[in-house]
Amino acid sequence: MRWPEIRATYPDQWLVIVALEAHTEGDRRVLDRISVGETCADGPAAMQRYRQLHQEYPYGTIFASGLIL
């Protein structure tokens, strides 16, 4: 999925997302295709789950995101 699709499917929710395809442009990481790993109750819960997943999969591309317009 792309970010607009995820925003439409999960409006106003905190998410842990996984980059399925990504590339680097200059000093920025661009996510070409992403997937929702989990929905979370709030920002702290999303960050906690992100940290847990990052420890389990240190080389994966995992992000916590939410309520971005």
PDB file of N, CA and C in Angstrom:
ATOM      1  N   MET A   1       0.842  -1.177   0.000  1.00  0.00           N
ATOM      2  CA  MET A   1       0.000   0.000   0.000  1.00  0.00           C
ATOM      3  C   MET A   1       0.891   1.247   0.000  1.00  0.00           C
ATOM      4  N   ARG A   2       0.281   2.323  -0.356  1.00  0.00           N
ATOM      5  CA  ARG A   2       0.946   3.624  -0.286  1.00  0.00           C
ATOM      6  C   ARG A   2       0.307   4.416   0.862  1.00  0.00           C
ATOM      7  N   TRP A   3       1.011   5.461   1.305  1.00  0.00           N
ATOM      8  CA  TRP A   3       0.549   6.217   2.464  1.00  0.00           C
ATOM      9  C   TRP A   3      -0.886   6.750   2.317  1.00  0.00           C
ATOM     10  N   PRO A   4      -1.311   7.307   1.168  1.00  0.00           N
ATOM     11  CA  PRO A   4      -2.703   7.777   1.063  1.00  0.00           C
ATOM     12  C   PRO A   4      -3.728   6.662   1.284  1.00  0.00           C
ATOM     13  N   GLU A   5      -3.433   5.452   0.820  1.00  0.00           N
ATOM     14  CA  GLU A   5      -4.344   4.328   1.035  1.00  0.00           C
ATOM     15  C   GLU A   5      -4.431   3.965   2.517  1.00  0.00           C
ATOM     16  N   ILE A   6      -3.291   3.971   3.189  1.00  0.00           N
ATOM     17  CA  ILE A   6      -3.280   3.639   4.613  1.00  0.00           C
ATOM     18  C   ILE A   6      -4.020   4.704   5.404  1.00  0.00           C
ATOM     19  N   ARG A   7      -3.795   5.980   5.088  1.00  0.00           N
ATOM     20  CA  ARG A   7      -4.511   7.057   5.780  1.00  0.00           C
ATOM     21  C   ARG A   7      -6.017   6.929   5.600  1.00  0.00           C
ATOM     22  N   ALA A   8      -6.458   6.536   4.405  1.00  0.00           N
ATOM     23  CA  ALA A   8      -7.890   6.383   4.145  1.00  0.00           C
ATOM     24  C   ALA A   8      -8.470   5.177   4.886  1.00  0.00           C
ATOM     25  N   THR A   9      -7.680   4.112   4.987  1.00  0.00           N
ATOM     26  CA  THR A   9      -8.146   2.891   5.634  1.00  0.00           C
ATOM     27  C   THR A   9      -8.089   2.975   7.155  1.00  0.00           C
ATOM     28  N   TYR A  10      -7.112   3.705   7.679  1.00  0.00           N
ATOM     29  CA  TYR A  10      -6.901   3.820   9.127  1.00  0.00           C
ATOM     30  C   TYR A  10      -6.888   5.291   9.538  1.00  0.00           C
ATOM     31  N   PRO A  11      -8.008   6.001   9.385  1.00  0.00           N
ATOM     32  CA  PRO A  11      -7.997   7.433   9.722  1.00  0.00           C
ATOM     33  C   PRO A  11      -7.848   7.658  11.221  1.00  0.00           C
ATOM     34  N   ASP A  12      -7.071   8.661  11.581  1.00  0.00           N
ATOM     35  CA  ASP A  12      -6.916   9.084  12.974  1.00  0.00           C
ATOM     36  C   ASP A  12      -6.522   7.949  13.918  1.00  0.00           C
ATOM     37  N   GLN A  13      -5.636   7.062  13.456  1.00  0.00           N
ATOM     38  CA  GLN A  13      -5.168   5.965  14.287  1.00  0.00           C
ATOM     39  C   GLN A  13      -3.649   5.966  14.355  1.00  0.00           C
ATOM     40  N   TRP A  14      -3.141   5.456  15.457  1.00  0.00           N
ATOM     41  CA  TRP A  14      -1.700   5.266  15.606  1.00  0.00           C
ATOM     42  C   TRP A  14      -1.355   3.897  15.057  1.00  0.00           C
ATOM     43  N   LEU A  15      -0.300   3.847  14.243  1.00  0.00           N
ATOM     44  CA  LEU A  15       0.065   2.618  13.545  1.00  0.00           C
ATOM     45  C   LEU A  15       1.542   2.304  13.710  1.00  0.00           C
ATOM     46  N   VAL A  16       1.853   1.023  13.642  1.00  0.00           N
ATOM     47  CA  VAL A  16       3.224   0.575  13.430  1.00  0.00           C
ATOM     48  C   VAL A  16       3.239   0.084  11.994  1.00  0.00           C
ATOM     49  N   ILE A  17       4.067   0.733  11.164  1.00  0.00           N
ATOM     50  CA  ILE A  17       4.107   0.359   9.758  1.00  0.00           C
ATOM     51  C   ILE A  17       5.454  -0.260   9.406  1.00  0.00           C
ATOM     52  N   VAL A  18       5.422  -1.092   8.388  1.00  0.00           N
ATOM     53  CA  VAL A  18       6.608  -1.795   7.922  1.00  0.00           C
ATOM     54  C   VAL A  18       6.837  -1.411   6.467  1.00  0.00           C
ATOM     55  N   ALA A  19       8.063  -1.015   6.155  1.00  0.00           N
ATOM     56  CA  ALA A  19       8.400  -0.681   4.777  1.00  0.00           C
ATOM     57  C   ALA A  19       8.693  -1.966   4.013  1.00  0.00           C
ATOM     58  N   LEU A  20       7.927  -2.218   2.968  1.00  0.00           N
ATOM     59  CA  LEU A  20       8.149  -3.385   2.120  1.00  0.00           C
ATOM     60  C   LEU A  20       9.139  -3.060   1.004  1.00  0.00           C
ATOM     61  N   GLU A  21       9.082  -1.813   0.539  1.00  0.00           N
ATOM     62  CA  GLU A  21      10.025  -1.317  -0.460  1.00  0.00           C
ATOM     63  C   GLU A  21      10.359   0.120  -0.094  1.00  0.00           C
ATOM     64  N   ALA A  22      11.644   0.458  -0.127  1.00  0.00           N
ATOM     65  CA  ALA A  22      12.074   1.813   0.209  1.00  0.00           C
ATOM     66  C   ALA A  22      13.366   2.132  -0.532  1.00  0.00           C
ATOM     67  N   HIS A  23      13.643   3.414  -0.651  1.00  0.00           N
ATOM     68  CA  HIS A  23      14.905   3.853  -1.242  1.00  0.00           C
ATOM     69  C   HIS A  23      15.338   5.157  -0.576  1.00  0.00           C
ATOM     70  N   THR A  24      16.564   5.553  -0.806  1.00  0.00           N
ATOM     71  CA  THR A  24      17.105   6.764  -0.209  1.00  0.00           C
ATOM     72  C   THR A  24      17.272   7.842  -1.275  1.00  0.00           C
ATOM     73  N   GLU A  25      16.833   9.032  -0.953  1.00  0.00           N
ATOM     74  CA  GLU A  25      17.020  10.214  -1.804  1.00  0.00           C
ATOM     75  C   GLU A  25      17.749  11.250  -0.966  1.00  0.00           C
ATOM     76  N   GLY A  26      19.009  11.455  -1.242  1.00  0.00           N
ATOM     77  CA  GLY A  26      19.798  12.387  -0.441  1.00  0.00           C
ATOM     78  C   GLY A  26      19.932  11.870   0.973  1.00  0.00           C
ATOM     79  N   ASP A  27      19.427  12.623   1.936  1.00  0.00           N
ATOM     80  CA  ASP A  27      19.492  12.192   3.332  1.00  0.00           C
ATOM     81  C   ASP A  27      18.138  11.726   3.857  1.00  0.00           C
ATOM     82  N   ARG A  28      17.191  11.468   2.956  1.00  0.00           N
ATOM     83  CA  ARG A  28      15.845  11.037   3.362  1.00  0.00           C
ATOM     84  C   ARG A  28      15.550   9.620   2.904  1.00  0.00           C
ATOM     85  N   ARG A  29      14.851   8.867   3.732  1.00  0.00           N
ATOM     86  CA  ARG A  29      14.384   7.529   3.382  1.00  0.00           C
ATOM     87  C   ARG A  29      12.973   7.681   2.830  1.00  0.00           C
ATOM     88  N   VAL A  30      12.730   7.184   1.634  1.00  0.00           N
ATOM     89  CA  VAL A  30      11.433   7.273   0.973  1.00  0.00           C
ATOM     90  C   VAL A  30      10.812   5.888   0.972  1.00  0.00           C
ATOM     91  N   LEU A  31       9.611   5.797   1.513  1.00  0.00           N
ATOM     92  CA  LEU A  31       8.909   4.517   1.588  1.00  0.00           C
ATOM     93  C   LEU A  31       8.015   4.378   0.363  1.00  0.00           C
ATOM     94  N   ASP A  32       8.342   3.433  -0.497  1.00  0.00           N
ATOM     95  CA  ASP A  32       7.592   3.236  -1.736  1.00  0.00           C
ATOM     96  C   ASP A  32       6.350   2.387  -1.522  1.00  0.00           C
ATOM     97  N   ARG A  33       6.488   1.363  -0.705  1.00  0.00           N
ATOM     98  CA  ARG A  33       5.363   0.451  -0.436  1.00  0.00           C
ATOM     99  C   ARG A  33       5.440   0.064   1.029  1.00  0.00           C
ATOM    100  N   ILE A  34       4.327   0.228   1.743  1.00  0.00           N
ATOM    101  CA  ILE A  34       4.310  -0.053   3.178  1.00  0.00           C
ATOM    102  C   ILE A  34       3.122  -0.926   3.533  1.00  0.00           C
ATOM    103  N   SER A  35       3.209  -1.500   4.727  1.00  0.00           N
ATOM    104  CA  SER A  35       2.152  -2.345   5.250  1.00  0.00           C
ATOM    105  C   SER A  35       1.908  -1.973   6.700  1.00  0.00           C
ATOM    106  N   VAL A  36       0.675  -2.112   7.155  1.00  0.00           N
ATOM    107  CA  VAL A  36       0.367  -1.859   8.556  1.00  0.00           C
ATOM    108  C   VAL A  36       0.706  -3.118   9.347  1.00  0.00           C
ATOM    109  N   GLY A  37       1.611  -2.959  10.306  1.00  0.00           N
ATOM    110  CA  GLY A  37       1.961  -4.073  11.175  1.00  0.00           C
ATOM    111  C   GLY A  37       0.958  -4.229  12.301  1.00  0.00           C
ATOM    112  N   GLU A  38       0.600  -3.105  12.923  1.00  0.00           N
ATOM    113  CA  GLU A  38      -0.355  -3.104  14.032  1.00  0.00           C
ATOM    114  C   GLU A  38      -0.997  -1.738  14.174  1.00  0.00           C
ATOM    115  N   THR A  39      -2.186  -1.722  14.748  1.00  0.00           N
ATOM    116  CA  THR A  39      -2.795  -0.480  15.189  1.00  0.00           C
ATOM    117  C   THR A  39      -2.573  -0.391  16.695  1.00  0.00           C
ATOM    118  N   CYS A  40      -2.448   0.820  17.203  1.00  0.00           N
ATOM    119  CA  CYS A  40      -2.166   1.021  18.625  1.00  0.00           C
ATOM    120  C   CYS A  40      -3.137   2.042  19.210  1.00  0.00           C
ATOM    121  N   ALA A  41      -3.314   1.974  20.526  1.00  0.00           N
ATOM    122  CA  ALA A  41      -4.266   2.851  21.204  1.00  0.00           C
ATOM    123  C   ALA A  41      -3.844   4.315  21.194  1.00  0.00           C
ATOM    124  N   ASP A  42      -2.538   4.564  21.281  1.00  0.00           N
ATOM    125  CA  ASP A  42      -2.048   5.936  21.344  1.00  0.00           C
ATOM    126  C   ASP A  42      -0.575   5.979  20.957  1.00  0.00           C
ATOM    127  N   GLY A  43      -0.005   7.188  20.961  1.00  0.00           N
ATOM    128  CA  GLY A  43       1.385   7.363  20.579  1.00  0.00           C
ATOM    129  C   GLY A  43       2.370   6.587  21.436  1.00  0.00           C
ATOM    130  N   PRO A  44       2.255   6.654  22.773  1.00  0.00           N
ATOM    131  CA  PRO A  44       3.184   5.882  23.607  1.00  0.00           C
ATOM    132  C   PRO A  44       3.111   4.375  23.350  1.00  0.00           C
ATOM    133  N   ALA A  45       1.912   3.855  23.127  1.00  0.00           N
ATOM    134  CA  ALA A  45       1.774   2.420  22.833  1.00  0.00           C
ATOM    135  C   ALA A  45       2.425   2.077  21.494  1.00  0.00           C
ATOM    136  N   ALA A  46       2.274   2.958  20.501  1.00  0.00           N
ATOM    137  CA  ALA A  46       2.891   2.725  19.194  1.00  0.00           C
ATOM    138  C   ALA A  46       4.410   2.731  19.313  1.00  0.00           C
ATOM    139  N   MET A  47       4.953   3.682  20.070  1.00  0.00           N
ATOM    140  CA  MET A  47       6.409   3.740  20.242  1.00  0.00           C
ATOM    141  C   MET A  47       6.937   2.538  21.021  1.00  0.00           C
ATOM    142  N   GLN A  48       6.196   2.099  22.023  1.00  0.00           N
ATOM    143  CA  GLN A  48       6.612   0.920  22.787  1.00  0.00           C
ATOM    144  C   GLN A  48       6.654  -0.317  21.891  1.00  0.00           C
ATOM    145  N   ARG A  49       5.611  -0.481  21.087  1.00  0.00           N
ATOM    146  CA  ARG A  49       5.577  -1.637  20.182  1.00  0.00           C
ATOM    147  C   ARG A  49       6.661  -1.521  19.122  1.00  0.00           C
ATOM    148  N   TYR A  50       6.906  -0.314  18.620  1.00  0.00           N
ATOM    149  CA  TYR A  50       7.992  -0.083  17.663  1.00  0.00           C
ATOM    150  C   TYR A  50       9.326  -0.529  18.261  1.00  0.00           C
ATOM    151  N   ARG A  51       9.591  -0.115  19.498  1.00  0.00           N
ATOM    152  CA  ARG A  51      10.866  -0.491  20.146  1.00  0.00           C
ATOM    153  C   ARG A  51      10.995  -2.006  20.281  1.00  0.00           C
ATOM    154  N   GLN A  52       9.895  -2.665  20.673  1.00  0.00           N
ATOM    155  CA  GLN A  52       9.915  -4.125  20.804  1.00  0.00           C
ATOM    156  C   GLN A  52      10.236  -4.778  19.458  1.00  0.00           C
ATOM    157  N   LEU A  53       9.557  -4.355  18.425  1.00  0.00           N
ATOM    158  CA  LEU A  53       9.786  -4.943  17.099  1.00  0.00           C
ATOM    159  C   LEU A  53      11.191  -4.628  16.594  1.00  0.00           C
ATOM    160  N   HIS A  54      11.669  -3.420  16.874  1.00  0.00           N
ATOM    161  CA  HIS A  54      13.013  -3.052  16.428  1.00  0.00           C
ATOM    162  C   HIS A  54      14.075  -3.910  17.122  1.00  0.00           C
ATOM    163  N   GLN A  55      13.840  -4.287  18.369  1.00  0.00           N
ATOM    164  CA  GLN A  55      14.777  -5.186  19.052  1.00  0.00           C
ATOM    165  C   GLN A  55      14.728  -6.591  18.451  1.00  0.00           C
ATOM    166  N   GLU A  56      13.536  -7.054  18.099  1.00  0.00           N
ATOM    167  CA  GLU A  56      13.384  -8.383  17.500  1.00  0.00           C
ATOM    168  C   GLU A  56      13.930  -8.432  16.079  1.00  0.00           C
ATOM    169  N   TYR A  57      13.737  -7.347  15.333  1.00  0.00           N
ATOM    170  CA  TYR A  57      14.130  -7.283  13.923  1.00  0.00           C
ATOM    171  C   TYR A  57      14.982  -6.036  13.695  1.00  0.00           C
ATOM    172  N   PRO A  58      16.210  -6.018  14.187  1.00  0.00           N
ATOM    173  CA  PRO A  58      17.022  -4.794  14.122  1.00  0.00           C
ATOM    174  C   PRO A  58      17.345  -4.324  12.707  1.00  0.00           C
ATOM    175  N   TYR A  59      17.268  -5.195  11.732  1.00  0.00           N
ATOM    176  CA  TYR A  59      17.593  -4.796  10.366  1.00  0.00           C
ATOM    177  C   TYR A  59      16.355  -4.557   9.520  1.00  0.00           C
ATOM    178  N   GLY A  60      15.177  -4.634  10.127  1.00  0.00           N
ATOM    179  CA  GLY A  60      13.937  -4.361   9.408  1.00  0.00           C
ATOM    180  C   GLY A  60      13.683  -2.876   9.337  1.00  0.00           C
ATOM    181  N   THR A  61      12.794  -2.480   8.476  1.00  0.00           N
ATOM    182  CA  THR A  61      12.441  -1.078   8.337  1.00  0.00           C
ATOM    183  C   THR A  61      11.040  -0.906   8.908  1.00  0.00           C
ATOM    184  N   ILE A  62      10.987  -0.539  10.194  1.00  0.00           N
ATOM    185  CA  ILE A  62       9.746  -0.444  10.932  1.00  0.00           C
ATOM    186  C   ILE A  62       9.617   0.981  11.449  1.00  0.00           C
ATOM    187  N   PHE A  63       8.374   1.512  11.404  1.00  0.00           N
ATOM    188  CA  PHE A  63       8.139   2.877  11.844  1.00  0.00           C
ATOM    189  C   PHE A  63       6.885   2.938  12.695  1.00  0.00           C
ATOM    190  N   ALA A  64       6.833   3.880  13.612  1.00  0.00           N
ATOM    191  CA  ALA A  64       5.610   4.185  14.348  1.00  0.00           C
ATOM    192  C   ALA A  64       5.084   5.486  13.768  1.00  0.00           C
ATOM    193  N   SER A  65       3.803   5.530  13.500  1.00  0.00           N
ATOM    194  CA  SER A  65       3.234   6.707  12.867  1.00  0.00           C
ATOM    195  C   SER A  65       1.794   6.886  13.302  1.00  0.00           C
ATOM    196  N   GLY A  66       1.352   8.118  13.321  1.00  0.00           N
ATOM    197  CA  GLY A  66      -0.059   8.316  13.607  1.00  0.00           C
ATOM    198  C   GLY A  66      -0.464   9.763  13.555  1.00  0.00           C
ATOM    199  N   LEU A  67      -1.718   9.958  13.257  1.00  0.00           N
ATOM    200  CA  LEU A  67      -2.350  11.262  13.261  1.00  0.00           C
ATOM    201  C   LEU A  67      -1.573  12.294  12.465  1.00  0.00           C
ATOM    202  N   ILE A  68      -1.038  11.887  11.348  1.00  0.00           N
ATOM    203  CA  ILE A  68      -0.326  12.799  10.461  1.00  0.00           C
ATOM    204  C   ILE A  68      -1.303  13.263   9.375  1.00  0.00           C
ATOM    205  N   LEU A  69      -1.360  14.537   9.175  1.00  0.00           N
ATOM    206  CA  LEU A  69      -2.295  15.058   8.178  1.00  0.00           C
ATOM    207  C   LEU A  69      -1.733  15.047   6.793  1.00  0.00           C
TER     208      LEU A  69
END
